[in-house]
Amino acid sequence: ERMSEKVKKDVAQSFANASVAAEQHRLYAIRAEQEGKETLACLLQALAASERVHARRTMMHLRGKVGDSSDYVAELSRRRRKDFTLEFFRIAEALTEEGRDTTAEAFGQFGEVAKNHFDLLNRFQKDQIDCTAYHVCQVCGYIAVEAPPENCPVCGAVRKKFKSLDETG
């Protein structure tokens, strides 16, 4: 039996809330650790892990059981180009109109990074990429393959701002 559209929307909002809460807890755990508050950092990490469980389970209820990974990649490739890339640029334009240039710049970068993700997904689908090493820019999220560039092509961050996949947590 399918969920009604209203309930599906509520469940989707719950997923978004859990995802945001998990990231907020993780960020504040890092801050607490920097402040020397180890006990608080541990609690916040635990809360973050719990919220990730909520988000994962919520997504399973929204999408049903996890299916074939190749089908998922094909769907993700279609969605990423249409939904994410264009949406980021639309938001950046609206922010620029409001004079919020710094935030607009960030959303413009998110759009460029979404294009990068789209390219990586397409290269993967065409077997033009293997699982060598991915390096993620910690400023904008751009993913470099095999080796980080001297400077990020999206935000200009220096090489040391890139972390390999196993370092990103």
C-alpha atoms as a PDB file:
ATOM      1  CA  GLU A   1       0.000   0.000   0.000  1.00  0.00           C
ATOM      2  CA  ARG A   2       1.375   3.410  -1.007  1.00  0.00           C
ATOM      3  CA  MET A   3       1.688   6.462   1.233  1.00  0.00           C
ATOM      4  CA  SER A   4      -0.579   9.396   0.571  1.00  0.00           C
ATOM      5  CA  GLU A   5       1.196  12.422  -0.893  1.00  0.00           C
ATOM      6  CA  LYS A   6       0.701  14.366   2.369  1.00  0.00           C
ATOM      7  CA  VAL A   7       2.247  11.600   4.504  1.00  0.00           C
ATOM      8  CA  LYS A   8       5.035  11.090   1.963  1.00  0.00           C
ATOM      9  CA  LYS A   9       5.822  14.815   2.161  1.00  0.00           C
ATOM     10  CA  ASP A  10       5.899  14.647   5.980  1.00  0.00           C
ATOM     11  CA  VAL A  11       8.188  11.608   5.905  1.00  0.00           C
ATOM     12  CA  ALA A  12      10.466  13.376   3.397  1.00  0.00           C
ATOM     13  CA  GLN A  13      10.611  16.403   5.707  1.00  0.00           C
ATOM     14  CA  SER A  14      11.517  14.079   8.575  1.00  0.00           C
ATOM     15  CA  PHE A  15      14.370  12.691   6.476  1.00  0.00           C
ATOM     16  CA  ALA A  16      15.614  16.215   5.762  1.00  0.00           C
ATOM     17  CA  ASN A  17      15.379  17.169   9.428  1.00  0.00           C
ATOM     18  CA  ALA A  18      17.305  14.087  10.555  1.00  0.00           C
ATOM     19  CA  SER A  19      19.984  14.682   7.921  1.00  0.00           C
ATOM     20  CA  VAL A  20      20.418  18.312   8.962  1.00  0.00           C
ATOM     21  CA  ALA A  21      20.466  17.409  12.650  1.00  0.00           C
ATOM     22  CA  ALA A  22      23.140  14.758  12.047  1.00  0.00           C
ATOM     23  CA  GLU A  23      25.379  17.261  10.286  1.00  0.00           C
ATOM     24  CA  GLN A  24      24.804  19.952  12.916  1.00  0.00           C
ATOM     25  CA  HIS A  25      25.661  17.515  15.708  1.00  0.00           C
ATOM     26  CA  ARG A  26      28.807  16.446  13.833  1.00  0.00           C
ATOM     27  CA  LEU A  27      29.938  20.044  13.323  1.00  0.00           C
ATOM     28  CA  TYR A  28      29.304  20.995  16.937  1.00  0.00           C
ATOM     29  CA  ALA A  29      31.145  17.857  18.065  1.00  0.00           C
ATOM     30  CA  ILE A  30      34.181  19.100  16.144  1.00  0.00           C
ATOM     31  CA  ARG A  31      33.785  22.513  17.782  1.00  0.00           C
ATOM     32  CA  ALA A  32      33.468  20.947  21.258  1.00  0.00           C
ATOM     33  CA  GLU A  33      36.591  18.904  20.611  1.00  0.00           C
ATOM     34  CA  GLN A  34      38.489  22.067  19.575  1.00  0.00           C
ATOM     35  CA  GLU A  35      37.299  23.716  22.780  1.00  0.00           C
ATOM     36  CA  GLY A  36      38.632  20.802  24.847  1.00  0.00           C
ATOM     37  CA  LYS A  37      35.155  19.569  25.767  1.00  0.00           C
ATOM     38  CA  GLU A  38      35.760  15.874  25.054  1.00  0.00           C
ATOM     39  CA  THR A  39      32.710  14.548  26.914  1.00  0.00           C
ATOM     40  CA  LEU A  40      30.398  16.912  25.048  1.00  0.00           C
ATOM     41  CA  ALA A  41      32.117  16.039  21.760  1.00  0.00           C
ATOM     42  CA  CYS A  42      31.464  12.325  22.376  1.00  0.00           C
ATOM     43  CA  LEU A  43      27.799  12.945  23.176  1.00  0.00           C
ATOM     44  CA  LEU A  44      27.348  15.061  20.039  1.00  0.00           C
ATOM     45  CA  GLN A  45      29.054  12.396  17.887  1.00  0.00           C
ATOM     46  CA  ALA A  46      26.664   9.803  19.317  1.00  0.00           C
ATOM     47  CA  LEU A  47      23.688  12.057  18.581  1.00  0.00           C
ATOM     48  CA  ALA A  48      24.974  12.540  15.027  1.00  0.00           C
ATOM     49  CA  ALA A  49      25.303   8.790  14.521  1.00  0.00           C
ATOM     50  CA  SER A  50      21.777   8.282  15.842  1.00  0.00           C
ATOM     51  CA  GLU A  51      20.333  10.906  13.492  1.00  0.00           C
ATOM     52  CA  ARG A  52      22.134   9.248  10.545  1.00  0.00           C
ATOM     53  CA  VAL A  53      20.361   6.004  11.478  1.00  0.00           C
ATOM     54  CA  HIS A  54      17.031   7.867  11.514  1.00  0.00           C
ATOM     55  CA  ALA A  55      17.767   9.406   8.129  1.00  0.00           C
ATOM     56  CA  ARG A  56      18.816   6.078   6.604  1.00  0.00           C
ATOM     57  CA  ARG A  57      15.735   4.261   7.890  1.00  0.00           C
ATOM     58  CA  THR A  58      13.457   7.089   6.809  1.00  0.00           C
ATOM     59  CA  MET A  59      14.932   6.996   3.319  1.00  0.00           C
ATOM     60  CA  MET A  60      14.350   3.250   3.157  1.00  0.00           C
ATOM     61  CA  HIS A  61      10.669   3.824   3.922  1.00  0.00           C
ATOM     62  CA  LEU A  62      10.453   6.529   1.277  1.00  0.00           C
ATOM     63  CA  ARG A  63      12.243   4.582  -1.428  1.00  0.00           C
ATOM     64  CA  GLY A  64      11.425   1.016  -0.439  1.00  0.00           C
ATOM     65  CA  LYS A  65      14.111  -1.609  -0.175  1.00  0.00           C
ATOM     66  CA  VAL A  66      17.479  -0.734  -1.641  1.00  0.00           C
ATOM     67  CA  GLY A  67      17.629  -2.036  -5.199  1.00  0.00           C
ATOM     68  CA  ASP A  68      20.335  -2.556  -7.772  1.00  0.00           C
ATOM     69  CA  SER A  69      23.239  -0.114  -7.428  1.00  0.00           C
ATOM     70  CA  SER A  70      23.634   0.326 -11.207  1.00  0.00           C
ATOM     71  CA  ASP A  71      20.004   1.385 -11.488  1.00  0.00           C
ATOM     72  CA  TYR A  72      20.587   3.835  -8.642  1.00  0.00           C
ATOM     73  CA  VAL A  73      23.612   5.362 -10.405  1.00  0.00           C
ATOM     74  CA  ALA A  74      21.619   5.808 -13.617  1.00  0.00           C
ATOM     75  CA  GLU A  75      18.776   7.474 -11.696  1.00  0.00           C
ATOM     76  CA  LEU A  76      21.221   9.617  -9.707  1.00  0.00           C
ATOM     77  CA  SER A  77      22.918  10.763 -12.892  1.00  0.00           C
ATOM     78  CA  ARG A  78      19.600  11.895 -14.371  1.00  0.00           C
ATOM     79  CA  ARG A  79      18.488  13.631 -11.159  1.00  0.00           C
ATOM     80  CA  ARG A  80      21.808  15.276 -10.357  1.00  0.00           C
ATOM     81  CA  ARG A  81      21.949  17.178 -13.618  1.00  0.00           C
ATOM     82  CA  LYS A  82      18.342  18.315 -13.616  1.00  0.00           C
ATOM     83  CA  ASP A  83      17.493  18.750  -9.955  1.00  0.00           C
ATOM     84  CA  PHE A  84      20.697  19.808  -8.295  1.00  0.00           C
ATOM     85  CA  THR A  85      22.796  21.701 -10.803  1.00  0.00           C
ATOM     86  CA  LEU A  86      20.043  23.965 -12.071  1.00  0.00           C
ATOM     87  CA  GLU A  87      18.527  24.488  -8.624  1.00  0.00           C
ATOM     88  CA  PHE A  88      21.843  25.700  -7.190  1.00  0.00           C
ATOM     89  CA  PHE A  89      22.264  28.256  -9.982  1.00  0.00           C
ATOM     90  CA  ARG A  90      18.667  29.430  -9.584  1.00  0.00           C
ATOM     91  CA  ILE A  91      19.221  29.987  -5.850  1.00  0.00           C
ATOM     92  CA  ALA A  92      22.549  31.751  -6.528  1.00  0.00           C
ATOM     93  CA  GLU A  93      20.797  34.142  -8.899  1.00  0.00           C
ATOM     94  CA  ALA A  94      18.073  34.912  -6.323  1.00  0.00           C
ATOM     95  CA  LEU A  95      20.716  35.519  -3.652  1.00  0.00           C
ATOM     96  CA  THR A  96      22.611  37.884  -5.953  1.00  0.00           C
ATOM     97  CA  GLU A  97      19.406  39.836  -6.549  1.00  0.00           C
ATOM     98  CA  GLU A  98      19.094  40.214  -2.753  1.00  0.00           C
ATOM     99  CA  GLY A  99      22.691  41.441  -2.490  1.00  0.00           C
ATOM    100  CA  ARG A 100      23.870  38.333  -0.650  1.00  0.00           C
ATOM    101  CA  ASP A 101      26.951  37.901  -2.810  1.00  0.00           C
ATOM    102  CA  THR A 102      28.976  35.643  -0.503  1.00  0.00           C
ATOM    103  CA  THR A 103      26.136  33.163  -0.136  1.00  0.00           C
ATOM    104  CA  ALA A 104      25.372  33.434  -3.855  1.00  0.00           C
ATOM    105  CA  GLU A 105      29.007  32.588  -4.617  1.00  0.00           C
ATOM    106  CA  ALA A 106      28.747  29.458  -2.449  1.00  0.00           C
ATOM    107  CA  PHE A 107      25.595  28.303  -4.267  1.00  0.00           C
ATOM    108  CA  GLY A 108      27.241  28.984  -7.617  1.00  0.00           C
ATOM    109  CA  GLN A 109      30.102  26.756  -6.486  1.00  0.00           C
ATOM    110  CA  PHE A 110      27.609  24.071  -5.416  1.00  0.00           C
ATOM    111  CA  GLY A 111      26.225  24.169  -8.963  1.00  0.00           C
ATOM    112  CA  GLU A 112      29.704  23.771 -10.443  1.00  0.00           C
ATOM    113  CA  VAL A 113      30.402  20.885  -8.065  1.00  0.00           C
ATOM    114  CA  ALA A 114      27.094  19.254  -9.048  1.00  0.00           C
ATOM    115  CA  LYS A 115      28.297  19.410 -12.675  1.00  0.00           C
ATOM    116  CA  ASN A 116      31.515  17.704 -11.497  1.00  0.00           C
ATOM    117  CA  HIS A 117      29.450  14.961  -9.846  1.00  0.00           C
ATOM    118  CA  PHE A 118      27.381  14.548 -13.026  1.00  0.00           C
ATOM    119  CA  ASP A 119      30.584  14.161 -15.058  1.00  0.00           C
ATOM    120  CA  LEU A 120      31.979  11.584 -12.619  1.00  0.00           C
ATOM    121  CA  LEU A 121      28.748   9.577 -12.733  1.00  0.00           C
ATOM    122  CA  ASN A 122      28.771   9.599 -16.540  1.00  0.00           C
ATOM    123  CA  ARG A 123      32.443   8.607 -16.683  1.00  0.00           C
ATOM    124  CA  PHE A 124      31.728   5.770 -14.268  1.00  0.00           C
ATOM    125  CA  GLN A 125      28.792   4.542 -16.355  1.00  0.00           C
ATOM    126  CA  LYS A 126      31.033   4.483 -19.433  1.00  0.00           C
ATOM    127  CA  ASP A 127      33.764   2.583 -17.505  1.00  0.00           C
ATOM    128  CA  GLN A 128      36.127   5.528 -17.943  1.00  0.00           C
ATOM    129  CA  ILE A 129      36.943   5.737 -14.258  1.00  0.00           C
ATOM    130  CA  ASP A 130      38.169   3.180 -11.787  1.00  0.00           C
ATOM    131  CA  CYS A 131      38.300   3.233  -8.030  1.00  0.00           C
ATOM    132  CA  THR A 132      41.767   4.708  -7.695  1.00  0.00           C
ATOM    133  CA  ALA A 133      41.609   7.641  -5.334  1.00  0.00           C
ATOM    134  CA  TYR A 134      39.067  10.370  -4.895  1.00  0.00           C
ATOM    135  CA  HIS A 135      40.058  13.648  -3.253  1.00  0.00           C
ATOM    136  CA  VAL A 136      37.345  15.979  -1.957  1.00  0.00           C
ATOM    137  CA  CYS A 137      37.829  19.734  -1.635  1.00  0.00           C
ATOM    138  CA  GLN A 138      36.885  20.620   1.926  1.00  0.00           C
ATOM    139  CA  VAL A 139      35.862  24.138   0.882  1.00  0.00           C
ATOM    140  CA  CYS A 140      33.373  23.452  -1.942  1.00  0.00           C
ATOM    141  CA  GLY A 141      33.066  19.661  -2.301  1.00  0.00           C
ATOM    142  CA  TYR A 142      34.683  19.304  -5.752  1.00  0.00           C
ATOM    143  CA  ILE A 143      35.929  15.735  -6.324  1.00  0.00           C
ATOM    144  CA  ALA A 144      39.291  15.215  -8.016  1.00  0.00           C
ATOM    145  CA  VAL A 145      40.237  11.780  -9.361  1.00  0.00           C
ATOM    146  CA  GLU A 146      43.646  10.196  -8.678  1.00  0.00           C
ATOM    147  CA  ALA A 147      45.403  13.311  -7.363  1.00  0.00           C
ATOM    148  CA  PRO A 148      44.284  16.661  -5.996  1.00  0.00           C
ATOM    149  CA  PRO A 149      45.039  19.649  -8.225  1.00  0.00           C
ATOM    150  CA  GLU A 150      47.301  22.497  -7.133  1.00  0.00           C
ATOM    151  CA  ASN A 151      44.170  24.627  -6.838  1.00  0.00           C
ATOM    152  CA  CYS A 152      40.524  23.622  -6.879  1.00  0.00           C
ATOM    153  CA  PRO A 153      39.020  24.423 -10.289  1.00  0.00           C
ATOM    154  CA  VAL A 154      35.781  25.570  -8.632  1.00  0.00           C
ATOM    155  CA  CYS A 155      36.775  27.612  -5.575  1.00  0.00           C
ATOM    156  CA  GLY A 156      40.541  28.026  -5.943  1.00  0.00           C
ATOM    157  CA  ALA A 157      41.387  26.254  -2.665  1.00  0.00           C
ATOM    158  CA  VAL A 158      44.972  25.045  -2.354  1.00  0.00           C
ATOM    159  CA  ARG A 159      45.934  21.366  -2.606  1.00  0.00           C
ATOM    160  CA  LYS A 160      46.152  20.885   1.167  1.00  0.00           C
ATOM    161  CA  LYS A 161      42.393  21.621   1.402  1.00  0.00           C
ATOM    162  CA  PHE A 162      41.714  18.328  -0.407  1.00  0.00           C
ATOM    163  CA  LYS A 163      41.213  15.157   1.628  1.00  0.00           C
ATOM    164  CA  SER A 164      41.321  11.657   0.250  1.00  0.00           C
ATOM    165  CA  LEU A 165      38.130   9.654   0.511  1.00  0.00           C
ATOM    166  CA  ASP A 166      39.361   7.682   3.542  1.00  0.00           C
ATOM    167  CA  GLU A 167      40.090  10.940   5.414  1.00  0.00           C
ATOM    168  CA  THR A 168      36.711  12.597   4.873  1.00  0.00           C
ATOM    169  CA  GLY A 169      34.763  10.473   7.362  1.00  0.00           C
END
